[in-house]
Amino acid sequence: MIFRVFKIFFIINIFLFTTGFIPIMGLVGPATTIISSGNIYKASAQFIIDQTIKKKTGKHSLTLVKDEIEKKEAEKNLQKELRLLVEKRIKLTRQKLDLNKVSQ
């Protein structure tokens, strides 16, 4: 009897994980919230917010946050490279002008 229950449970799990019948990854976060804190309202809100973000952007909330962080880092690197380029050009221009000769 126990083997039969285990077999049914195993087949259902295989079906769910391989067919994508239920978005398992979307349920893992709220499920861990329920298990760890016991707060069903918090888990429900987390699931609803994640689904809303996915409908609006087409991305999961974690992917969206990761992309935004990468975009900000790319902007910072671009600004840093631009600053270094400008400083290098200023130094080259000062060397060409040789301001010591001009001031004498």
N, C-alpha and C. Protein backbone atom coordinates (compact mmCIF):
# COMPACT_ATOMS: atom_id res chain seq x y z
N MET A 1 0.82 -1.19 0.00
CA MET A 1 0.00 0.00 0.00
C MET A 1 0.87 1.27 0.00
N ILE A 2 1.90 1.28 0.84
CA ILE A 2 2.79 2.44 0.91
C ILE A 2 3.52 2.62 -0.42
N PHE A 3 3.91 1.50 -1.02
CA PHE A 3 4.61 1.56 -2.31
C PHE A 3 3.70 2.16 -3.37
N ARG A 4 2.42 1.83 -3.34
CA ARG A 4 1.47 2.35 -4.32
C ARG A 4 1.31 3.88 -4.17
N VAL A 5 1.22 4.36 -2.93
CA VAL A 5 1.11 5.80 -2.68
C VAL A 5 2.38 6.50 -3.15
N PHE A 6 3.52 5.92 -2.84
CA PHE A 6 4.80 6.49 -3.27
C PHE A 6 4.87 6.54 -4.79
N LYS A 7 4.41 5.48 -5.45
CA LYS A 7 4.45 5.40 -6.90
C LYS A 7 3.55 6.49 -7.52
N ILE A 8 2.36 6.68 -6.98
CA ILE A 8 1.46 7.71 -7.48
C ILE A 8 2.06 9.10 -7.27
N PHE A 9 2.59 9.34 -6.09
CA PHE A 9 3.22 10.62 -5.78
C PHE A 9 4.40 10.89 -6.72
N PHE A 10 5.19 9.87 -6.99
CA PHE A 10 6.35 9.99 -7.88
C PHE A 10 5.89 10.32 -9.31
N ILE A 11 4.87 9.67 -9.79
CA ILE A 11 4.38 9.91 -11.16
C ILE A 11 3.81 11.33 -11.28
N ILE A 12 3.10 11.77 -10.27
CA ILE A 12 2.55 13.13 -10.31
C ILE A 12 3.68 14.16 -10.32
N ASN A 13 4.69 13.95 -9.50
CA ASN A 13 5.83 14.87 -9.48
C ASN A 13 6.56 14.90 -10.82
N ILE A 14 6.78 13.76 -11.40
CA ILE A 14 7.44 13.69 -12.71
C ILE A 14 6.61 14.46 -13.74
N PHE A 15 5.31 14.25 -13.71
CA PHE A 15 4.42 14.93 -14.65
C PHE A 15 4.51 16.45 -14.48
N LEU A 16 4.47 16.91 -13.26
CA LEU A 16 4.49 18.35 -13.02
C LEU A 16 5.82 18.98 -13.43
N PHE A 17 6.92 18.33 -13.12
CA PHE A 17 8.23 18.91 -13.41
C PHE A 17 8.60 18.84 -14.89
N THR A 18 8.15 17.83 -15.59
CA THR A 18 8.59 17.67 -16.97
C THR A 18 7.67 18.34 -17.98
N THR A 19 6.40 18.50 -17.67
CA THR A 19 5.48 19.07 -18.66
C THR A 19 5.29 20.56 -18.50
N GLY A 20 5.67 21.12 -17.38
CA GLY A 20 5.42 22.53 -17.15
C GLY A 20 3.95 22.82 -16.93
N PHE A 21 3.22 21.81 -16.50
CA PHE A 21 1.78 21.94 -16.30
C PHE A 21 1.46 23.04 -15.30
N ILE A 22 2.25 23.14 -14.27
CA ILE A 22 2.11 24.19 -13.27
C ILE A 22 3.43 24.94 -13.23
N PRO A 23 3.39 26.26 -13.21
CA PRO A 23 4.66 27.01 -13.12
C PRO A 23 5.31 26.80 -11.75
N ILE A 24 6.06 25.74 -11.65
CA ILE A 24 6.64 25.32 -10.37
C ILE A 24 7.53 26.41 -9.78
N MET A 25 8.36 27.02 -10.60
CA MET A 25 9.28 28.02 -10.07
C MET A 25 8.54 29.22 -9.51
N GLY A 26 7.38 29.54 -10.06
CA GLY A 26 6.60 30.64 -9.51
C GLY A 26 5.98 30.30 -8.17
N LEU A 27 5.88 29.03 -7.86
CA LEU A 27 5.29 28.62 -6.60
C LEU A 27 6.33 28.29 -5.53
N VAL A 28 7.57 28.13 -5.93
CA VAL A 28 8.61 27.76 -4.97
C VAL A 28 8.84 28.87 -3.95
N GLY A 29 8.92 30.13 -4.41
CA GLY A 29 9.15 31.25 -3.50
C GLY A 29 8.05 31.40 -2.46
N PRO A 30 6.80 31.49 -2.88
CA PRO A 30 5.73 31.59 -1.89
C PRO A 30 5.63 30.36 -0.99
N ALA A 31 5.92 29.19 -1.53
CA ALA A 31 5.86 27.98 -0.71
C ALA A 31 6.92 28.02 0.39
N THR A 32 8.10 28.48 0.07
CA THR A 32 9.14 28.58 1.11
C THR A 32 8.77 29.65 2.15
N THR A 33 8.08 30.70 1.70
CA THR A 33 7.64 31.73 2.64
C THR A 33 6.61 31.15 3.61
N ILE A 34 5.69 30.37 3.09
CA ILE A 34 4.68 29.75 3.95
C ILE A 34 5.33 28.79 4.93
N ILE A 35 6.27 27.99 4.43
CA ILE A 35 6.92 27.00 5.30
C ILE A 35 7.77 27.68 6.37
N SER A 36 8.54 28.70 5.99
CA SER A 36 9.45 29.31 6.95
C SER A 36 8.76 30.23 7.95
N SER A 37 7.79 31.01 7.47
CA SER A 37 7.18 31.98 8.38
C SER A 37 5.75 31.62 8.76
N GLY A 38 5.09 30.82 7.96
CA GLY A 38 3.71 30.48 8.23
C GLY A 38 2.75 31.59 7.86
N ASN A 39 3.24 32.62 7.17
CA ASN A 39 2.41 33.76 6.82
C ASN A 39 1.85 33.57 5.41
N ILE A 40 0.60 33.17 5.33
CA ILE A 40 -0.04 32.89 4.04
C ILE A 40 -0.30 34.19 3.29
N TYR A 41 -0.63 35.26 3.99
CA TYR A 41 -0.91 36.54 3.34
C TYR A 41 0.34 37.08 2.63
N LYS A 42 1.47 36.97 3.28
CA LYS A 42 2.73 37.44 2.70
C LYS A 42 3.07 36.61 1.46
N ALA A 43 2.89 35.31 1.54
CA ALA A 43 3.18 34.44 0.41
C ALA A 43 2.24 34.73 -0.76
N SER A 44 0.97 34.98 -0.45
CA SER A 44 0.00 35.30 -1.50
C SER A 44 0.36 36.62 -2.19
N ALA A 45 0.72 37.61 -1.40
CA ALA A 45 1.11 38.90 -1.97
C ALA A 45 2.34 38.75 -2.85
N GLN A 46 3.29 37.95 -2.39
CA GLN A 46 4.52 37.72 -3.16
C GLN A 46 4.18 37.09 -4.51
N PHE A 47 3.31 36.12 -4.51
CA PHE A 47 2.92 35.42 -5.74
C PHE A 47 2.18 36.37 -6.68
N ILE A 48 1.25 37.15 -6.15
CA ILE A 48 0.47 38.07 -6.97
C ILE A 48 1.35 39.15 -7.59
N ILE A 49 2.26 39.69 -6.81
CA ILE A 49 3.17 40.72 -7.32
C ILE A 49 4.07 40.15 -8.41
N ASP A 50 4.57 38.95 -8.20
CA ASP A 50 5.44 38.31 -9.20
C ASP A 50 4.67 38.08 -10.50
N GLN A 51 3.43 37.63 -10.40
CA GLN A 51 2.63 37.39 -11.60
C GLN A 51 2.30 38.70 -12.32
N THR A 52 2.04 39.76 -11.57
CA THR A 52 1.75 41.06 -12.17
C THR A 52 2.96 41.60 -12.91
N ILE A 53 4.13 41.48 -12.30
CA ILE A 53 5.37 41.92 -12.95
C ILE A 53 5.62 41.12 -14.21
N LYS A 54 5.35 39.82 -14.15
CA LYS A 54 5.57 38.98 -15.33
C LYS A 54 4.62 39.35 -16.46
N LYS A 55 3.38 39.68 -16.14
CA LYS A 55 2.42 40.07 -17.17
C LYS A 55 2.80 41.39 -17.82
N LYS A 56 3.30 42.34 -17.03
CA LYS A 56 3.63 43.66 -17.57
C LYS A 56 4.95 43.68 -18.31
N THR A 57 5.96 42.97 -17.80
CA THR A 57 7.30 43.06 -18.40
C THR A 57 7.69 41.81 -19.18
N GLY A 58 7.05 40.70 -18.91
CA GLY A 58 7.44 39.45 -19.55
C GLY A 58 8.60 38.76 -18.85
N LYS A 59 9.03 39.32 -17.72
CA LYS A 59 10.15 38.75 -16.97
C LYS A 59 9.71 38.48 -15.54
N HIS A 60 10.38 37.54 -14.90
CA HIS A 60 10.14 37.31 -13.48
C HIS A 60 10.77 38.45 -12.69
N SER A 61 10.34 38.64 -11.47
CA SER A 61 10.81 39.77 -10.68
C SER A 61 12.31 39.72 -10.46
N LEU A 62 12.87 38.54 -10.20
CA LEU A 62 14.31 38.45 -9.98
C LEU A 62 15.09 38.78 -11.24
N THR A 63 14.60 38.32 -12.39
CA THR A 63 15.26 38.63 -13.66
C THR A 63 15.20 40.11 -13.95
N LEU A 64 14.06 40.73 -13.66
CA LEU A 64 13.91 42.16 -13.87
C LEU A 64 14.88 42.96 -13.01
N VAL A 65 14.99 42.59 -11.74
CA VAL A 65 15.91 43.29 -10.83
C VAL A 65 17.36 43.10 -11.30
N LYS A 66 17.69 41.89 -11.70
CA LYS A 66 19.05 41.61 -12.17
C LYS A 66 19.38 42.44 -13.40
N ASP A 67 18.44 42.52 -14.35
CA ASP A 67 18.67 43.32 -15.55
C ASP A 67 18.84 44.80 -15.23
N GLU A 68 18.05 45.31 -14.30
CA GLU A 68 18.16 46.72 -13.93
C GLU A 68 19.52 47.00 -13.27
N ILE A 69 19.97 46.09 -12.42
CA ILE A 69 21.28 46.27 -11.77
C ILE A 69 22.39 46.24 -12.81
N GLU A 70 22.30 45.31 -13.76
CA GLU A 70 23.32 45.25 -14.81
C GLU A 70 23.32 46.51 -15.67
N LYS A 71 22.13 47.06 -15.93
CA LYS A 71 22.05 48.29 -16.72
C LYS A 71 22.69 49.45 -15.98
N LYS A 72 22.44 49.55 -14.68
CA LYS A 72 23.05 50.62 -13.88
C LYS A 72 24.56 50.48 -13.84
N GLU A 73 25.06 49.23 -13.70
CA GLU A 73 26.50 48.99 -13.68
C GLU A 73 27.13 49.37 -15.01
N ALA A 74 26.44 49.07 -16.11
CA ALA A 74 26.96 49.41 -17.43
C ALA A 74 27.04 50.93 -17.58
N GLU A 75 26.04 51.65 -17.06
CA GLU A 75 26.07 53.11 -17.12
C GLU A 75 27.22 53.67 -16.30
N LYS A 76 27.46 53.09 -15.12
CA LYS A 76 28.57 53.56 -14.28
C LYS A 76 29.90 53.32 -14.99
N ASN A 77 30.06 52.14 -15.61
CA ASN A 77 31.30 51.84 -16.32
C ASN A 77 31.50 52.79 -17.50
N LEU A 78 30.41 53.11 -18.19
CA LEU A 78 30.50 54.03 -19.32
C LEU A 78 30.92 55.42 -18.85
N GLN A 79 30.36 55.88 -17.75
CA GLN A 79 30.73 57.19 -17.21
C GLN A 79 32.19 57.21 -16.77
N LYS A 80 32.63 56.09 -16.16
CA LYS A 80 34.02 56.01 -15.71
C LYS A 80 34.97 56.04 -16.91
N GLU A 81 34.63 55.28 -17.96
CA GLU A 81 35.48 55.27 -19.15
C GLU A 81 35.51 56.64 -19.82
N LEU A 82 34.36 57.30 -19.85
CA LEU A 82 34.31 58.64 -20.45
C LEU A 82 35.16 59.62 -19.65
N ARG A 83 35.09 59.54 -18.35
CA ARG A 83 35.90 60.43 -17.50
C ARG A 83 37.39 60.20 -17.74
N LEU A 84 37.80 58.93 -17.79
CA LEU A 84 39.21 58.62 -18.04
C LEU A 84 39.65 59.13 -19.41
N LEU A 85 38.81 59.00 -20.40
CA LEU A 85 39.13 59.48 -21.74
C LEU A 85 39.30 60.99 -21.76
N VAL A 86 38.39 61.70 -21.09
CA VAL A 86 38.47 63.16 -21.04
C VAL A 86 39.73 63.60 -20.30
N GLU A 87 40.04 62.95 -19.17
CA GLU A 87 41.26 63.30 -18.42
C GLU A 87 42.51 63.06 -19.27
N LYS A 88 42.51 61.98 -20.02
CA LYS A 88 43.66 61.67 -20.88
C LYS A 88 43.82 62.74 -21.95
N ARG A 89 42.70 63.16 -22.54
CA ARG A 89 42.75 64.19 -23.58
C ARG A 89 43.20 65.54 -23.01
N ILE A 90 42.78 65.85 -21.81
CA ILE A 90 43.21 67.10 -21.16
C ILE A 90 44.71 67.09 -20.93
N LYS A 91 45.24 65.97 -20.45
CA LYS A 91 46.69 65.85 -20.23
C LYS A 91 47.45 66.00 -21.53
N LEU A 92 46.97 65.34 -22.60
CA LEU A 92 47.65 65.44 -23.89
C LEU A 92 47.62 66.88 -24.41
N THR A 93 46.49 67.54 -24.25
CA THR A 93 46.37 68.93 -24.70
C THR A 93 47.31 69.83 -23.91
N ARG A 94 47.40 69.64 -22.61
CA ARG A 94 48.31 70.45 -21.78
C ARG A 94 49.76 70.23 -22.19
N GLN A 95 50.10 68.97 -22.51
CA GLN A 95 51.47 68.70 -22.95
C GLN A 95 51.77 69.40 -24.27
N LYS A 96 50.79 69.38 -25.17
CA LYS A 96 51.00 70.03 -26.48
C LYS A 96 51.11 71.55 -26.33
N LEU A 97 50.29 72.11 -25.45
CA LEU A 97 50.33 73.57 -25.26
C LEU A 97 51.56 74.01 -24.50
N ASP A 98 52.03 73.16 -23.62
CA ASP A 98 53.16 73.47 -22.76
C ASP A 98 52.94 74.82 -22.09
N LEU A 99 52.08 74.85 -21.12
CA LEU A 99 51.67 76.07 -20.45
C LEU A 99 52.81 76.82 -19.78
N ASN A 100 53.90 76.18 -19.51
CA ASN A 100 55.05 76.88 -18.91
C ASN A 100 55.61 77.93 -19.86
N LYS A 101 55.64 77.64 -21.14
CA LYS A 101 56.17 78.59 -22.12
C LYS A 101 55.22 79.78 -22.29
N VAL A 102 53.94 79.53 -22.19
CA VAL A 102 52.95 80.58 -22.39
C VAL A 102 52.99 81.58 -21.23
N SER A 103 53.19 81.11 -20.01
CA SER A 103 53.16 81.98 -18.85
C SER A 103 54.42 82.83 -18.71
N GLN A 104 55.51 82.48 -19.37
CA GLN A 104 56.77 83.23 -19.23
C GLN A 104 56.82 84.40 -20.10
